[in-house]
Amino acid sequence: MKITAKGVYALNALLDLSHRYTSGEVVPLSDIAGRRRMPLKFLEQIMLILKKAGFVVSRRGIGGGFMLKRPPDSITVGQIIRLVDGTFDIFPQVKISEHPFGKYEEIAIQEMRDQVVNAIGDVIDSVTLADLIHRAGELRSTNTGYMYQI
């Protein structure tokens, strides 16, 4: 399984809301969709999933929209990706044959596969929305713009 557009959109929507977490600002979906260049209808579906899982809350009516339910430092990338895209798996489990000739090679491949999947899981489970915002701030501060020379 790979990270789909749906997973990336979910992360972007939550990052957008993370910037407004401390102020408690309720953000209309149309604002998020515009800032993050996402299809509004698709974003609506994603936000329902996030709401059902307890990551966001919504307000109806004039001045309505969404806000984070939990602090950005308590939400990991892994939680979001697994919720929206399912189990993260780089390739399927290896079927171990009964034939002794290939059995041990298949076991070795399965062990390597498990190490890869666990390493990816360790990374996405250790990075929070707050970490991504912090890193984006670092990148913004070091970006001095492009120099064009003729």
Protein backbone atom coordinates (compact mmCIF):
# COMPACT_ATOMS: atom_id res chain seq x y z
CA MET A 1 0.00 0.00 0.00
CA LYS A 2 1.25 3.45 -0.77
CA ILE A 3 0.27 6.80 0.62
CA THR A 4 -2.60 7.93 -1.60
CA ALA A 5 -3.78 11.40 -2.53
CA LYS A 6 -6.42 10.91 0.13
CA GLY A 7 -3.72 10.40 2.76
CA VAL A 8 -1.77 13.45 1.59
CA TYR A 9 -4.95 15.57 1.56
CA ALA A 10 -5.80 14.41 5.10
CA LEU A 11 -2.32 15.39 6.31
CA ASN A 12 -2.53 18.77 4.58
CA ALA A 13 -5.97 19.50 6.00
CA LEU A 14 -4.81 18.63 9.51
CA LEU A 15 -1.67 20.73 9.08
CA ASP A 16 -3.85 23.65 8.04
CA LEU A 17 -5.97 23.21 11.16
CA SER A 18 -2.84 22.76 13.30
CA HIS A 19 -1.76 26.31 12.54
CA ARG A 20 -5.00 27.50 14.15
CA TYR A 21 -5.14 25.08 17.08
CA THR A 22 -3.98 27.47 19.81
CA SER A 23 -6.36 30.22 18.69
CA GLY A 24 -9.31 27.82 18.59
CA GLU A 25 -10.28 29.20 15.20
CA VAL A 26 -12.97 27.30 13.33
CA VAL A 27 -11.93 26.96 9.71
CA PRO A 28 -14.40 26.58 6.83
CA LEU A 29 -13.63 23.68 4.51
CA SER A 30 -13.70 26.02 1.52
CA ASP A 31 -10.78 27.95 3.06
CA ILE A 32 -8.73 24.78 3.55
CA ALA A 33 -9.57 23.55 0.05
CA GLY A 34 -8.54 26.89 -1.45
CA ARG A 35 -5.29 27.26 0.49
CA ARG A 36 -4.25 23.65 -0.04
CA ARG A 37 -5.60 23.30 -3.60
CA MET A 38 -7.84 20.34 -2.82
CA PRO A 39 -11.18 19.37 -4.34
CA LEU A 40 -13.84 20.47 -1.85
CA LYS A 41 -16.05 17.38 -2.28
CA PHE A 42 -13.10 15.05 -1.69
CA LEU A 43 -12.05 17.08 1.35
CA GLU A 44 -15.58 16.80 2.78
CA GLN A 45 -15.32 13.00 2.64
CA ILE A 46 -11.90 13.04 4.28
CA MET A 47 -13.04 15.35 7.08
CA LEU A 48 -15.95 13.04 7.90
CA ILE A 49 -13.46 10.19 8.37
CA LEU A 50 -11.24 12.40 10.56
CA LYS A 51 -14.24 13.58 12.57
CA LYS A 52 -15.51 10.05 13.16
CA ALA A 53 -12.04 9.05 14.39
CA GLY A 54 -11.90 11.98 16.83
CA PHE A 55 -9.18 14.07 15.21
CA VAL A 56 -11.41 17.04 14.39
CA VAL A 57 -14.66 18.60 15.54
CA SER A 58 -17.09 20.57 13.43
CA ARG A 59 -19.46 23.48 13.88
CA ARG A 60 -22.45 24.02 11.66
CA GLY A 61 -23.95 27.20 10.36
CA ILE A 62 -22.57 30.66 9.79
CA GLY A 63 -18.99 30.80 11.02
CA GLY A 64 -18.91 27.02 10.99
CA GLY A 65 -16.15 24.73 9.92
CA PHE A 66 -13.60 22.43 11.49
CA MET A 67 -10.95 22.56 14.17
CA LEU A 68 -8.51 20.09 15.66
CA LYS A 69 -9.81 18.18 18.65
CA ARG A 70 -6.35 17.23 19.91
CA PRO A 71 -3.04 19.13 20.03
CA PRO A 72 -0.84 18.80 16.91
CA ASP A 73 1.94 17.22 18.96
CA SER A 74 -0.35 14.30 19.86
CA ILE A 75 -1.27 13.33 16.29
CA THR A 76 1.23 11.28 14.30
CA VAL A 77 1.53 10.88 10.56
CA GLY A 78 1.18 7.13 11.07
CA GLN A 79 -2.20 7.52 12.78
CA ILE A 80 -3.55 9.56 9.88
CA ILE A 81 -2.11 7.40 7.10
CA ARG A 82 -3.40 4.20 8.66
CA LEU A 83 -6.82 5.73 9.24
CA VAL A 84 -7.24 7.06 5.71
CA ASP A 85 -5.19 4.62 3.63
CA GLY A 86 -5.19 1.47 5.74
CA THR A 87 -2.24 -0.63 6.84
CA PHE A 88 1.07 0.59 5.51
CA ASP A 89 2.68 -2.30 3.71
CA ILE A 90 5.43 -1.91 1.13
CA PHE A 91 4.89 -5.35 -0.35
CA PRO A 92 2.75 -8.36 0.52
CA GLN A 93 3.81 -11.07 2.89
CA VAL A 94 5.75 -13.90 1.31
CA LYS A 95 4.05 -17.27 1.07
CA ILE A 96 6.41 -19.80 2.63
CA SER A 97 6.47 -23.04 0.66
CA GLU A 98 6.80 -26.48 2.18
CA HIS A 99 9.54 -27.41 -0.28
CA PRO A 100 12.91 -27.26 1.52
CA PHE A 101 14.73 -25.84 -1.53
CA GLY A 102 13.09 -22.39 -1.46
CA LYS A 103 11.70 -22.35 2.06
CA TYR A 104 14.65 -20.67 3.77
CA GLU A 105 15.11 -18.05 1.09
CA GLU A 106 11.40 -17.21 1.38
CA ILE A 107 11.77 -16.93 5.15
CA ALA A 108 14.76 -14.60 4.65
CA ILE A 109 12.72 -12.44 2.24
CA GLN A 110 9.84 -12.33 4.73
CA GLU A 111 12.19 -11.24 7.53
CA MET A 112 13.63 -8.48 5.34
CA ARG A 113 10.12 -7.38 4.36
CA ASP A 114 9.11 -7.20 8.02
CA GLN A 115 12.18 -5.05 8.80
CA VAL A 116 11.31 -2.61 6.00
CA VAL A 117 7.67 -2.33 7.05
CA ASN A 118 8.67 -1.86 10.71
CA ALA A 119 11.24 0.81 9.82
CA ILE A 120 8.68 2.79 7.81
CA GLY A 121 6.17 2.40 10.63
CA ASP A 122 8.73 3.64 13.16
CA VAL A 123 9.31 6.79 11.10
CA ILE A 124 5.68 7.68 10.42
CA ASP A 125 4.73 6.89 14.02
CA SER A 126 7.44 9.18 15.40
CA VAL A 127 6.57 12.26 13.33
CA THR A 128 3.73 14.45 14.60
CA LEU A 129 1.84 17.27 12.93
CA ALA A 130 3.75 19.64 15.22
CA ASP A 131 7.05 18.18 13.94
CA LEU A 132 6.01 18.80 10.32
CA ILE A 133 5.00 22.39 11.11
CA HIS A 134 8.29 22.97 12.92
CA ARG A 135 10.29 21.55 10.01
CA ALA A 136 8.34 23.65 7.51
CA GLY A 137 9.20 26.72 9.59
CA GLU A 138 12.88 25.80 9.48
CA LEU A 139 12.72 25.40 5.71
CA ARG A 140 10.91 28.75 5.37
CA SER A 141 13.54 30.55 7.44
CA THR A 142 16.45 29.15 5.44
CA ASN A 143 14.85 29.90 2.07
CA THR A 144 16.43 33.13 0.92
CA GLY A 145 14.76 32.98 -2.47
CA TYR A 146 16.14 32.17 -5.84
CA MET A 147 19.06 33.99 -7.34
CA TYR A 148 18.83 34.54 -11.05
CA GLN A 149 21.96 35.45 -12.95
CA ILE A 150 22.30 36.21 -16.60
